Amino acid sequence: MDGQIRFGRLRYLWEIERQGRVPGHASFAYHNLSIKHRPYDQAALGPEVAPGPYPAARFLEVAEDGAEELRQALGLIEASARADAVPPRPEVRGGTARNR
């Protein structure tokens, strides 16, 4: 692996069984970080459920329940960015080198 973390579309097991996994590559690292912990069936809701507040509440639940997984995902992205970062070139001024 070259230090880079590339993200493919993560799939549920039933999707992998039906469609297969993203093709493997030496630069890929698979991380299953599911942020959805509570099941809900939006299609089963009646017309009395307001369309705005319901999804907003579900997004909040997902963010709260998946906080650790979101932190891990951001950490993976940060690690990849650091691995790809180019160190600053020294700048020469008056005969001495300084970092920009």
PDB file of N, CA and C in Angstrom:
ATOM      1  N   MET A   1       0.843  -1.185   0.000  1.00  0.00           N
ATOM      2  CA  MET A   1       0.000   0.000   0.000  1.00  0.00           C
ATOM      3  C   MET A   1       0.885   1.245   0.000  1.00  0.00           C
ATOM      4  N   ASP A   2       0.453   2.280  -0.677  1.00  0.00           N
ATOM      5  CA  ASP A   2       1.271   3.472  -0.843  1.00  0.00           C
ATOM      6  C   ASP A   2       0.983   4.555   0.184  1.00  0.00           C
ATOM      7  N   GLY A   3       0.317   4.233   1.280  1.00  0.00           N
ATOM      8  CA  GLY A   3       0.011   5.212   2.306  1.00  0.00           C
ATOM      9  C   GLY A   3      -1.305   5.931   2.068  1.00  0.00           C
ATOM     10  N   GLN A   4      -1.901   5.732   0.908  1.00  0.00           N
ATOM     11  CA  GLN A   4      -3.158   6.400   0.606  1.00  0.00           C
ATOM     12  C   GLN A   4      -4.329   5.515   0.999  1.00  0.00           C
ATOM     13  N   ILE A   5      -5.388   6.151   1.419  1.00  0.00           N
ATOM     14  CA  ILE A   5      -6.622   5.436   1.719  1.00  0.00           C
ATOM     15  C   ILE A   5      -7.635   5.900   0.699  1.00  0.00           C
ATOM     16  N   ARG A   6      -8.136   4.980  -0.069  1.00  0.00           N
ATOM     17  CA  ARG A   6      -9.142   5.329  -1.068  1.00  0.00           C
ATOM     18  C   ARG A   6     -10.471   4.754  -0.619  1.00  0.00           C
ATOM     19  N   PHE A   7     -11.512   5.523  -0.825  1.00  0.00           N
ATOM     20  CA  PHE A   7     -12.826   5.102  -0.387  1.00  0.00           C
ATOM     21  C   PHE A   7     -13.650   4.660  -1.575  1.00  0.00           C
ATOM     22  N   GLY A   8     -14.175   3.477  -1.499  1.00  0.00           N
ATOM     23  CA  GLY A   8     -15.146   3.004  -2.477  1.00  0.00           C
ATOM     24  C   GLY A   8     -16.514   3.031  -1.814  1.00  0.00           C
ATOM     25  N   ARG A   9     -17.540   2.798  -2.574  1.00  0.00           N
ATOM     26  CA  ARG A   9     -18.885   2.767  -2.011  1.00  0.00           C
ATOM     27  C   ARG A   9     -18.983   1.542  -1.119  1.00  0.00           C
ATOM     28  N   LEU A  10     -19.207   1.761   0.158  1.00  0.00           N
ATOM     29  CA  LEU A  10     -19.362   0.641   1.071  1.00  0.00           C
ATOM     30  C   LEU A  10     -20.733   0.033   0.862  1.00  0.00           C
ATOM     31  N   ARG A  11     -20.807  -1.237   1.012  1.00  0.00           N
ATOM     32  CA  ARG A  11     -22.053  -1.932   0.740  1.00  0.00           C
ATOM     33  C   ARG A  11     -22.453  -2.807   1.907  1.00  0.00           C
ATOM     34  N   TYR A  12     -23.766  -2.997   2.011  1.00  0.00           N
ATOM     35  CA  TYR A  12     -24.292  -3.968   2.958  1.00  0.00           C
ATOM     36  C   TYR A  12     -23.969  -5.364   2.433  1.00  0.00           C
ATOM     37  N   LEU A  13     -24.011  -6.365   3.308  1.00  0.00           N
ATOM     38  CA  LEU A  13     -23.710  -7.729   2.880  1.00  0.00           C
ATOM     39  C   LEU A  13     -24.627  -8.183   1.749  1.00  0.00           C
ATOM     40  N   TRP A  14     -25.922  -7.823   1.817  1.00  0.00           N
ATOM     41  CA  TRP A  14     -26.836  -8.244   0.753  1.00  0.00           C
ATOM     42  C   TRP A  14     -26.489  -7.589  -0.572  1.00  0.00           C
ATOM     43  N   GLU A  15     -25.927  -6.382  -0.551  1.00  0.00           N
ATOM     44  CA  GLU A  15     -25.498  -5.730  -1.784  1.00  0.00           C
ATOM     45  C   GLU A  15     -24.254  -6.408  -2.349  1.00  0.00           C
ATOM     46  N   ILE A  16     -23.330  -6.787  -1.465  1.00  0.00           N
ATOM     47  CA  ILE A  16     -22.117  -7.475  -1.904  1.00  0.00           C
ATOM     48  C   ILE A  16     -22.497  -8.799  -2.547  1.00  0.00           C
ATOM     49  N   GLU A  17     -23.435  -9.535  -1.908  1.00  0.00           N
ATOM     50  CA  GLU A  17     -23.859 -10.815  -2.464  1.00  0.00           C
ATOM     51  C   GLU A  17     -24.502 -10.648  -3.829  1.00  0.00           C
ATOM     52  N   ARG A  18     -25.277  -9.583  -4.006  1.00  0.00           N
ATOM     53  CA  ARG A  18     -25.988  -9.370  -5.262  1.00  0.00           C
ATOM     54  C   ARG A  18     -25.110  -8.722  -6.330  1.00  0.00           C
ATOM     55  N   GLN A  19     -24.290  -7.720  -5.955  1.00  0.00           N
ATOM     56  CA  GLN A  19     -23.556  -6.930  -6.936  1.00  0.00           C
ATOM     57  C   GLN A  19     -22.043  -7.084  -6.856  1.00  0.00           C
ATOM     58  N   GLY A  20     -21.549  -7.677  -5.806  1.00  0.00           N
ATOM     59  CA  GLY A  20     -20.107  -7.809  -5.638  1.00  0.00           C
ATOM     60  C   GLY A  20     -19.514  -6.594  -4.955  1.00  0.00           C
ATOM     61  N   ARG A  21     -18.296  -6.728  -4.533  1.00  0.00           N
ATOM     62  CA  ARG A  21     -17.566  -5.666  -3.838  1.00  0.00           C
ATOM     63  C   ARG A  21     -16.839  -4.816  -4.866  1.00  0.00           C
ATOM     64  N   VAL A  22     -16.470  -3.628  -4.463  1.00  0.00           N
ATOM     65  CA  VAL A  22     -15.619  -2.797  -5.307  1.00  0.00           C
ATOM     66  C   VAL A  22     -14.362  -3.620  -5.595  1.00  0.00           C
ATOM     67  N   PRO A  23     -13.904  -3.650  -6.849  1.00  0.00           N
ATOM     68  CA  PRO A  23     -12.724  -4.475  -7.151  1.00  0.00           C
ATOM     69  C   PRO A  23     -11.556  -4.155  -6.222  1.00  0.00           C
ATOM     70  N   GLY A  24     -10.864  -5.188  -5.792  1.00  0.00           N
ATOM     71  CA  GLY A  24      -9.739  -5.018  -4.882  1.00  0.00           C
ATOM     72  C   GLY A  24      -8.539  -4.383  -5.565  1.00  0.00           C
ATOM     73  N   HIS A  25      -7.740  -3.719  -4.796  1.00  0.00           N
ATOM     74  CA  HIS A  25      -6.520  -3.098  -5.291  1.00  0.00           C
ATOM     75  C   HIS A  25      -5.589  -2.947  -4.088  1.00  0.00           C
ATOM     76  N   ALA A  26      -4.304  -3.009  -4.321  1.00  0.00           N
ATOM     77  CA  ALA A  26      -3.329  -2.921  -3.227  1.00  0.00           C
ATOM     78  C   ALA A  26      -3.435  -1.615  -2.459  1.00  0.00           C
ATOM     79  N   SER A  27      -3.952  -0.550  -3.102  1.00  0.00           N
ATOM     80  CA  SER A  27      -4.050   0.739  -2.425  1.00  0.00           C
ATOM     81  C   SER A  27      -5.368   0.900  -1.669  1.00  0.00           C
ATOM     82  N   PHE A  28      -6.248  -0.087  -1.746  1.00  0.00           N
ATOM     83  CA  PHE A  28      -7.533  -0.005  -1.048  1.00  0.00           C
ATOM     84  C   PHE A  28      -7.416  -0.595   0.349  1.00  0.00           C
ATOM     85  N   ALA A  29      -8.062   0.048   1.267  1.00  0.00           N
ATOM     86  CA  ALA A  29      -8.224  -0.498   2.615  1.00  0.00           C
ATOM     87  C   ALA A  29      -9.713  -0.417   2.914  1.00  0.00           C
ATOM     88  N   TYR A  30     -10.328  -1.530   3.197  1.00  0.00           N
ATOM     89  CA  TYR A  30     -11.761  -1.552   3.453  1.00  0.00           C
ATOM     90  C   TYR A  30     -12.033  -1.281   4.921  1.00  0.00           C
ATOM     91  N   HIS A  31     -12.957  -0.373   5.182  1.00  0.00           N
ATOM     92  CA  HIS A  31     -13.357  -0.022   6.538  1.00  0.00           C
ATOM     93  C   HIS A  31     -14.878  -0.010   6.565  1.00  0.00           C
ATOM     94  N   ASN A  32     -15.475  -0.848   7.383  1.00  0.00           N
ATOM     95  CA  ASN A  32     -16.931  -0.878   7.505  1.00  0.00           C
ATOM     96  C   ASN A  32     -17.300  -0.024   8.714  1.00  0.00           C
ATOM     97  N   LEU A  33     -17.705   1.198   8.459  1.00  0.00           N
ATOM     98  CA  LEU A  33     -18.026   2.149   9.517  1.00  0.00           C
ATOM     99  C   LEU A  33     -19.500   2.543   9.383  1.00  0.00           C
ATOM    100  N   SER A  34     -20.374   1.659   9.769  1.00  0.00           N
ATOM    101  CA  SER A  34     -21.801   1.919   9.641  1.00  0.00           C
ATOM    102  C   SER A  34     -22.248   2.915  10.705  1.00  0.00           C
ATOM    103  N   ILE A  35     -22.832   4.025  10.271  1.00  0.00           N
ATOM    104  CA  ILE A  35     -23.277   5.046  11.215  1.00  0.00           C
ATOM    105  C   ILE A  35     -24.752   4.913  11.546  1.00  0.00           C
ATOM    106  N   LYS A  36     -25.440   4.032  10.851  1.00  0.00           N
ATOM    107  CA  LYS A  36     -26.875   3.852  11.095  1.00  0.00           C
ATOM    108  C   LYS A  36     -27.056   2.678  12.058  1.00  0.00           C
ATOM    109  N   HIS A  37     -27.541   2.982  13.260  1.00  0.00           N
ATOM    110  CA  HIS A  37     -27.700   1.948  14.274  1.00  0.00           C
ATOM    111  C   HIS A  37     -29.166   1.602  14.549  1.00  0.00           C
ATOM    112  N   ARG A  38     -30.067   2.536  14.313  1.00  0.00           N
ATOM    113  CA  ARG A  38     -31.486   2.301  14.591  1.00  0.00           C
ATOM    114  C   ARG A  38     -32.257   2.067  13.298  1.00  0.00           C
ATOM    115  N   PRO A  39     -33.024   0.992  13.248  1.00  0.00           N
ATOM    116  CA  PRO A  39     -33.834   0.784  12.046  1.00  0.00           C
ATOM    117  C   PRO A  39     -35.063   1.697  12.061  1.00  0.00           C
ATOM    118  N   TYR A  40     -35.474   2.139  10.911  1.00  0.00           N
ATOM    119  CA  TYR A  40     -36.722   2.884  10.779  1.00  0.00           C
ATOM    120  C   TYR A  40     -37.246   2.672   9.366  1.00  0.00           C
ATOM    121  N   ASP A  41     -38.555   2.770   9.209  1.00  0.00           N
ATOM    122  CA  ASP A  41     -39.198   2.526   7.929  1.00  0.00           C
ATOM    123  C   ASP A  41     -40.006   3.749   7.542  1.00  0.00           C
ATOM    124  N   GLN A  42     -39.371   4.656   6.836  1.00  0.00           N
ATOM    125  CA  GLN A  42     -40.017   5.904   6.456  1.00  0.00           C
ATOM    126  C   GLN A  42     -41.226   5.648   5.562  1.00  0.00           C
ATOM    127  N   ALA A  43     -41.164   4.627   4.720  1.00  0.00           N
ATOM    128  CA  ALA A  43     -42.277   4.339   3.812  1.00  0.00           C
ATOM    129  C   ALA A  43     -43.537   3.925   4.559  1.00  0.00           C
ATOM    130  N   ALA A  44     -43.389   3.395   5.766  1.00  0.00           N
ATOM    131  CA  ALA A  44     -44.542   2.939   6.541  1.00  0.00           C
ATOM    132  C   ALA A  44     -45.221   4.062   7.312  1.00  0.00           C
ATOM    133  N   LEU A  45     -44.669   5.260   7.280  1.00  0.00           N
ATOM    134  CA  LEU A  45     -45.249   6.371   8.027  1.00  0.00           C
ATOM    135  C   LEU A  45     -46.512   6.878   7.340  1.00  0.00           C
ATOM    136  N   GLY A  46     -47.452   7.329   8.149  1.00  0.00           N
ATOM    137  CA  GLY A  46     -48.697   7.879   7.626  1.00  0.00           C
ATOM    138  C   GLY A  46     -48.546   9.326   7.218  1.00  0.00           C
ATOM    139  N   PRO A  47     -49.583   9.873   6.590  1.00  0.00           N
ATOM    140  CA  PRO A  47     -49.529  11.257   6.125  1.00  0.00           C
ATOM    141  C   PRO A  47     -49.495  12.283   7.252  1.00  0.00           C
ATOM    142  N   GLU A  48     -49.801  11.863   8.470  1.00  0.00           N
ATOM    143  CA  GLU A  48     -49.781  12.798   9.604  1.00  0.00           C
ATOM    144  C   GLU A  48     -48.363  13.168  10.039  1.00  0.00           C
ATOM    145  N   VAL A  49     -47.365  12.415   9.591  1.00  0.00           N
ATOM    146  CA  VAL A  49     -45.978  12.695   9.963  1.00  0.00           C
ATOM    147  C   VAL A  49     -45.446  13.808   9.069  1.00  0.00           C
ATOM    148  N   ALA A  50     -44.998  14.875   9.697  1.00  0.00           N
ATOM    149  CA  ALA A  50     -44.497  16.026   8.949  1.00  0.00           C
ATOM    150  C   ALA A  50     -43.211  15.656   8.207  1.00  0.00           C
ATOM    151  N   PRO A  51     -43.125  15.989   6.916  1.00  0.00           N
ATOM    152  CA  PRO A  51     -41.964  15.561   6.133  1.00  0.00           C
ATOM    153  C   PRO A  51     -40.650  16.228   6.530  1.00  0.00           C
ATOM    154  N   GLY A  52     -40.665  17.420   7.114  1.00  0.00           N
ATOM    155  CA  GLY A  52     -39.422  18.089   7.494  1.00  0.00           C
ATOM    156  C   GLY A  52     -38.838  17.586   8.790  1.00  0.00           C
ATOM    157  N   PRO A  53     -39.613  17.619   9.878  1.00  0.00           N
ATOM    158  CA  PRO A  53     -39.055  17.215  11.175  1.00  0.00           C
ATOM    159  C   PRO A  53     -38.645  15.742  11.247  1.00  0.00           C
ATOM    160  N   TYR A  54     -39.358  14.859  10.554  1.00  0.00           N
ATOM    161  CA  TYR A  54     -39.024  13.441  10.646  1.00  0.00           C
ATOM    162  C   TYR A  54     -37.610  13.159  10.141  1.00  0.00           C
ATOM    163  N   PRO A  55     -37.258  13.554   8.897  1.00  0.00           N
ATOM    164  CA  PRO A  55     -35.888  13.281   8.457  1.00  0.00           C
ATOM    165  C   PRO A  55     -34.841  14.022   9.287  1.00  0.00           C
ATOM    166  N   ALA A  56     -35.171  15.230   9.734  1.00  0.00           N
ATOM    167  CA  ALA A  56     -34.216  15.978  10.558  1.00  0.00           C
ATOM    168  C   ALA A  56     -33.912  15.212  11.840  1.00  0.00           C
ATOM    169  N   ALA A  57     -34.945  14.647  12.451  1.00  0.00           N
ATOM    170  CA  ALA A  57     -34.736  13.859  13.675  1.00  0.00           C
ATOM    171  C   ALA A  57     -33.927  12.601  13.385  1.00  0.00           C
ATOM    172  N   ARG A  58     -34.167  11.953  12.229  1.00  0.00           N
ATOM    173  CA  ARG A  58     -33.413  10.744  11.878  1.00  0.00           C
ATOM    174  C   ARG A  58     -31.953  11.095  11.622  1.00  0.00           C
ATOM    175  N   PHE A  59     -31.690  12.200  10.925  1.00  0.00           N
ATOM    176  CA  PHE A  59     -30.301  12.603  10.691  1.00  0.00           C
ATOM    177  C   PHE A  59     -29.589  12.874  12.004  1.00  0.00           C
ATOM    178  N   LEU A  60     -30.285  13.491  12.950  1.00  0.00           N
ATOM    179  CA  LEU A  60     -29.694  13.750  14.260  1.00  0.00           C
ATOM    180  C   LEU A  60     -29.381  12.438  14.971  1.00  0.00           C
ATOM    181  N   GLU A  61     -30.318  11.469  14.911  1.00  0.00           N
ATOM    182  CA  GLU A  61     -30.074  10.162  15.515  1.00  0.00           C
ATOM    183  C   GLU A  61     -28.853   9.492  14.898  1.00  0.00           C
ATOM    184  N   VAL A  62     -28.767   9.536  13.566  1.00  0.00           N
ATOM    185  CA  VAL A  62     -27.637   8.910  12.878  1.00  0.00           C
ATOM    186  C   VAL A  62     -26.329   9.562  13.314  1.00  0.00           C
ATOM    187  N   ALA A  63     -26.323  10.885  13.399  1.00  0.00           N
ATOM    188  CA  ALA A  63     -25.106  11.594  13.815  1.00  0.00           C
ATOM    189  C   ALA A  63     -24.737  11.257  15.253  1.00  0.00           C
ATOM    190  N   GLU A  64     -25.736  11.195  16.132  1.00  0.00           N
ATOM    191  CA  GLU A  64     -25.455  10.861  17.537  1.00  0.00           C
ATOM    192  C   GLU A  64     -25.016   9.409  17.681  1.00  0.00           C
ATOM    193  N   ASP A  65     -25.754   8.492  17.068  1.00  0.00           N
ATOM    194  CA  ASP A  65     -25.438   7.071  17.186  1.00  0.00           C
ATOM    195  C   ASP A  65     -24.113   6.718  16.514  1.00  0.00           C
ATOM    196  N   GLY A  66     -23.825   7.385  15.415  1.00  0.00           N
ATOM    197  CA  GLY A  66     -22.635   7.054  14.641  1.00  0.00           C
ATOM    198  C   GLY A  66     -21.456   7.964  14.894  1.00  0.00           C
ATOM    199  N   ALA A  67     -21.468   8.701  16.004  1.00  0.00           N
ATOM    200  CA  ALA A  67     -20.396   9.663  16.278  1.00  0.00           C
ATOM    201  C   ALA A  67     -19.018   9.004  16.258  1.00  0.00           C
ATOM    202  N   GLU A  68     -18.882   7.841  16.838  1.00  0.00           N
ATOM    203  CA  GLU A  68     -17.578   7.164  16.873  1.00  0.00           C
ATOM    204  C   GLU A  68     -17.145   6.759  15.470  1.00  0.00           C
ATOM    205  N   GLU A  69     -18.069   6.244  14.674  1.00  0.00           N
ATOM    206  CA  GLU A  69     -17.738   5.848  13.312  1.00  0.00           C
ATOM    207  C   GLU A  69     -17.398   7.064  12.449  1.00  0.00           C
ATOM    208  N   LEU A  70     -18.123   8.164  12.645  1.00  0.00           N
ATOM    209  CA  LEU A  70     -17.807   9.391  11.920  1.00  0.00           C
ATOM    210  C   LEU A  70     -16.420   9.901  12.304  1.00  0.00           C
ATOM    211  N   ARG A  71     -16.081   9.822  13.601  1.00  0.00           N
ATOM    212  CA  ARG A  71     -14.750  10.221  14.054  1.00  0.00           C
ATOM    213  C   ARG A  71     -13.682   9.349  13.399  1.00  0.00           C
ATOM    214  N   GLN A  72     -13.943   8.047  13.337  1.00  0.00           N
ATOM    215  CA  GLN A  72     -12.982   7.141  12.703  1.00  0.00           C
ATOM    216  C   GLN A  72     -12.815   7.465  11.222  1.00  0.00           C
ATOM    217  N   ALA A  73     -13.919   7.747  10.526  1.00  0.00           N
ATOM    218  CA  ALA A  73     -13.847   8.075   9.100  1.00  0.00           C
ATOM    219  C   ALA A  73     -13.033   9.354   8.884  1.00  0.00           C
ATOM    220  N   LEU A  74     -13.283  10.358   9.714  1.00  0.00           N
ATOM    221  CA  LEU A  74     -12.513  11.605   9.593  1.00  0.00           C
ATOM    222  C   LEU A  74     -11.040  11.371   9.895  1.00  0.00           C
ATOM    223  N   GLY A  75     -10.757  10.497  10.853  1.00  0.00           N
ATOM    224  CA  GLY A  75      -9.372  10.160  11.163  1.00  0.00           C
ATOM    225  C   GLY A  75      -8.682   9.468   9.986  1.00  0.00           C
ATOM    226  N   LEU A  76      -9.412   8.587   9.288  1.00  0.00           N
ATOM    227  CA  LEU A  76      -8.853   7.925   8.113  1.00  0.00           C
ATOM    228  C   LEU A  76      -8.568   8.929   6.995  1.00  0.00           C
ATOM    229  N   ILE A  77      -9.494   9.869   6.807  1.00  0.00           N
ATOM    230  CA  ILE A  77      -9.299  10.898   5.787  1.00  0.00           C
ATOM    231  C   ILE A  77      -8.096  11.767   6.146  1.00  0.00           C
ATOM    232  N   GLU A  78      -7.982  12.131   7.416  1.00  0.00           N
ATOM    233  CA  GLU A  78      -6.845  12.944   7.863  1.00  0.00           C
ATOM    234  C   GLU A  78      -5.527  12.198   7.647  1.00  0.00           C
ATOM    235  N   ALA A  79      -5.502  10.915   8.002  1.00  0.00           N
ATOM    236  CA  ALA A  79      -4.277  10.132   7.833  1.00  0.00           C
ATOM    237  C   ALA A  79      -3.885  10.058   6.363  1.00  0.00           C
ATOM    238  N   SER A  80      -4.873   9.899   5.493  1.00  0.00           N
ATOM    239  CA  SER A  80      -4.594   9.848   4.064  1.00  0.00           C
ATOM    240  C   SER A  80      -4.056  11.192   3.573  1.00  0.00           C
ATOM    241  N   ALA A  81      -4.654  12.280   4.040  1.00  0.00           N
ATOM    242  CA  ALA A  81      -4.200  13.614   3.625  1.00  0.00           C
ATOM    243  C   ALA A  81      -2.777  13.868   4.105  1.00  0.00           C
ATOM    244  N   ARG A  82      -2.477  13.437   5.323  1.00  0.00           N
ATOM    245  CA  ARG A  82      -1.114  13.628   5.848  1.00  0.00           C
ATOM    246  C   ARG A  82      -0.106  12.812   5.047  1.00  0.00           C
ATOM    247  N   ALA A  83      -0.508  11.604   4.649  1.00  0.00           N
ATOM    248  CA  ALA A  83       0.394  10.753   3.865  1.00  0.00           C
ATOM    249  C   ALA A  83       0.660  11.354   2.496  1.00  0.00           C
ATOM    250  N   ASP A  84      -0.323  12.085   1.960  1.00  0.00           N
ATOM    251  CA  ASP A  84      -0.185  12.693   0.635  1.00  0.00           C
ATOM    252  C   ASP A  84       0.432  14.085   0.688  1.00  0.00           C
ATOM    253  N   ALA A  85       0.564  14.656   1.882  1.00  0.00           N
ATOM    254  CA  ALA A  85       1.044  16.038   2.013  1.00  0.00           C
ATOM    255  C   ALA A  85       2.491  16.161   1.554  1.00  0.00           C
ATOM    256  N   VAL A  86       2.767  17.235   0.884  1.00  0.00           N
ATOM    257  CA  VAL A  86       4.125  17.532   0.437  1.00  0.00           C
ATOM    258  C   VAL A  86       4.720  18.508   1.433  1.00  0.00           C
ATOM    259  N   PRO A  87       5.876  18.182   2.000  1.00  0.00           N
ATOM    260  CA  PRO A  87       6.476  19.106   2.966  1.00  0.00           C
ATOM    261  C   PRO A  87       6.818  20.427   2.283  1.00  0.00           C
ATOM    262  N   PRO A  88       6.751  21.530   3.021  1.00  0.00           N
ATOM    263  CA  PRO A  88       7.070  22.825   2.416  1.00  0.00           C
ATOM    264  C   PRO A  88       8.524  22.880   1.979  1.00  0.00           C
ATOM    265  N   ARG A  89       8.757  23.564   0.873  1.00  0.00           N
ATOM    266  CA  ARG A  89      10.127  23.738   0.385  1.00  0.00           C
ATOM    267  C   ARG A  89      10.799  24.837   1.178  1.00  0.00           C
ATOM    268  N   PRO A  90      12.073  24.673   1.473  1.00  0.00           N
ATOM    269  CA  PRO A  90      12.777  25.759   2.155  1.00  0.00           C
ATOM    270  C   PRO A  90      12.883  26.964   1.225  1.00  0.00           C
ATOM    271  N   GLU A  91      12.732  28.102   1.786  1.00  0.00           N
ATOM    272  CA  GLU A  91      12.837  29.342   1.022  1.00  0.00           C
ATOM    273  C   GLU A  91      14.172  29.987   1.365  1.00  0.00           C
ATOM    274  N   VAL A  92      14.894  30.412   0.359  1.00  0.00           N
ATOM    275  CA  VAL A  92      16.206  31.017   0.585  1.00  0.00           C
ATOM    276  C   VAL A  92      16.056  32.529   0.582  1.00  0.00           C
ATOM    277  N   ARG A  93      16.451  33.138   1.707  1.00  0.00           N
ATOM    278  CA  ARG A  93      16.444  34.607   1.830  1.00  0.00           C
ATOM    279  C   ARG A  93      17.760  35.026   2.465  1.00  0.00           C
ATOM    280  N   GLY A  94      18.462  35.857   1.799  1.00  0.00           N
ATOM    281  CA  GLY A  94      19.709  36.384   2.364  1.00  0.00           C
ATOM    282  C   GLY A  94      20.706  35.297   2.708  1.00  0.00           C
ATOM    283  N   GLY A  95      20.690  34.207   1.950  1.00  0.00           N
ATOM    284  CA  GLY A  95      21.666  33.167   2.172  1.00  0.00           C
ATOM    285  C   GLY A  95      21.291  32.134   3.216  1.00  0.00           C
ATOM    286  N   THR A  96      20.101  32.247   3.859  1.00  0.00           N
ATOM    287  CA  THR A  96      19.682  31.249   4.836  1.00  0.00           C
ATOM    288  C   THR A  96      18.367  30.626   4.372  1.00  0.00           C
ATOM    289  N   ALA A  97      18.183  29.386   4.714  1.00  0.00           N
ATOM    290  CA  ALA A  97      16.947  28.680   4.332  1.00  0.00           C
ATOM    291  C   ALA A  97      15.927  28.804   5.450  1.00  0.00           C
ATOM    292  N   ARG A  98      14.688  29.129   5.084  1.00  0.00           N
ATOM    293  CA  ARG A  98      13.587  29.187   6.040  1.00  0.00           C
ATOM    294  C   ARG A  98      12.396  28.447   5.476  1.00  0.00           C
ATOM    295  N   ASN A  99      11.644  27.869   6.325  1.00  0.00           N
ATOM    296  CA  ASN A  99      10.391  27.237   5.869  1.00  0.00           C
ATOM    297  C   ASN A  99       9.352  28.307   5.649  1.00  0.00           C
ATOM    298  N   ARG A 100       8.527  28.086   4.660  1.00  0.00           N
ATOM    299  CA  ARG A 100       7.436  29.027   4.397  1.00  0.00           C
ATOM    300  C   ARG A 100       6.373  28.903   5.436  1.00  0.00           C
TER     301      ARG A 100
END
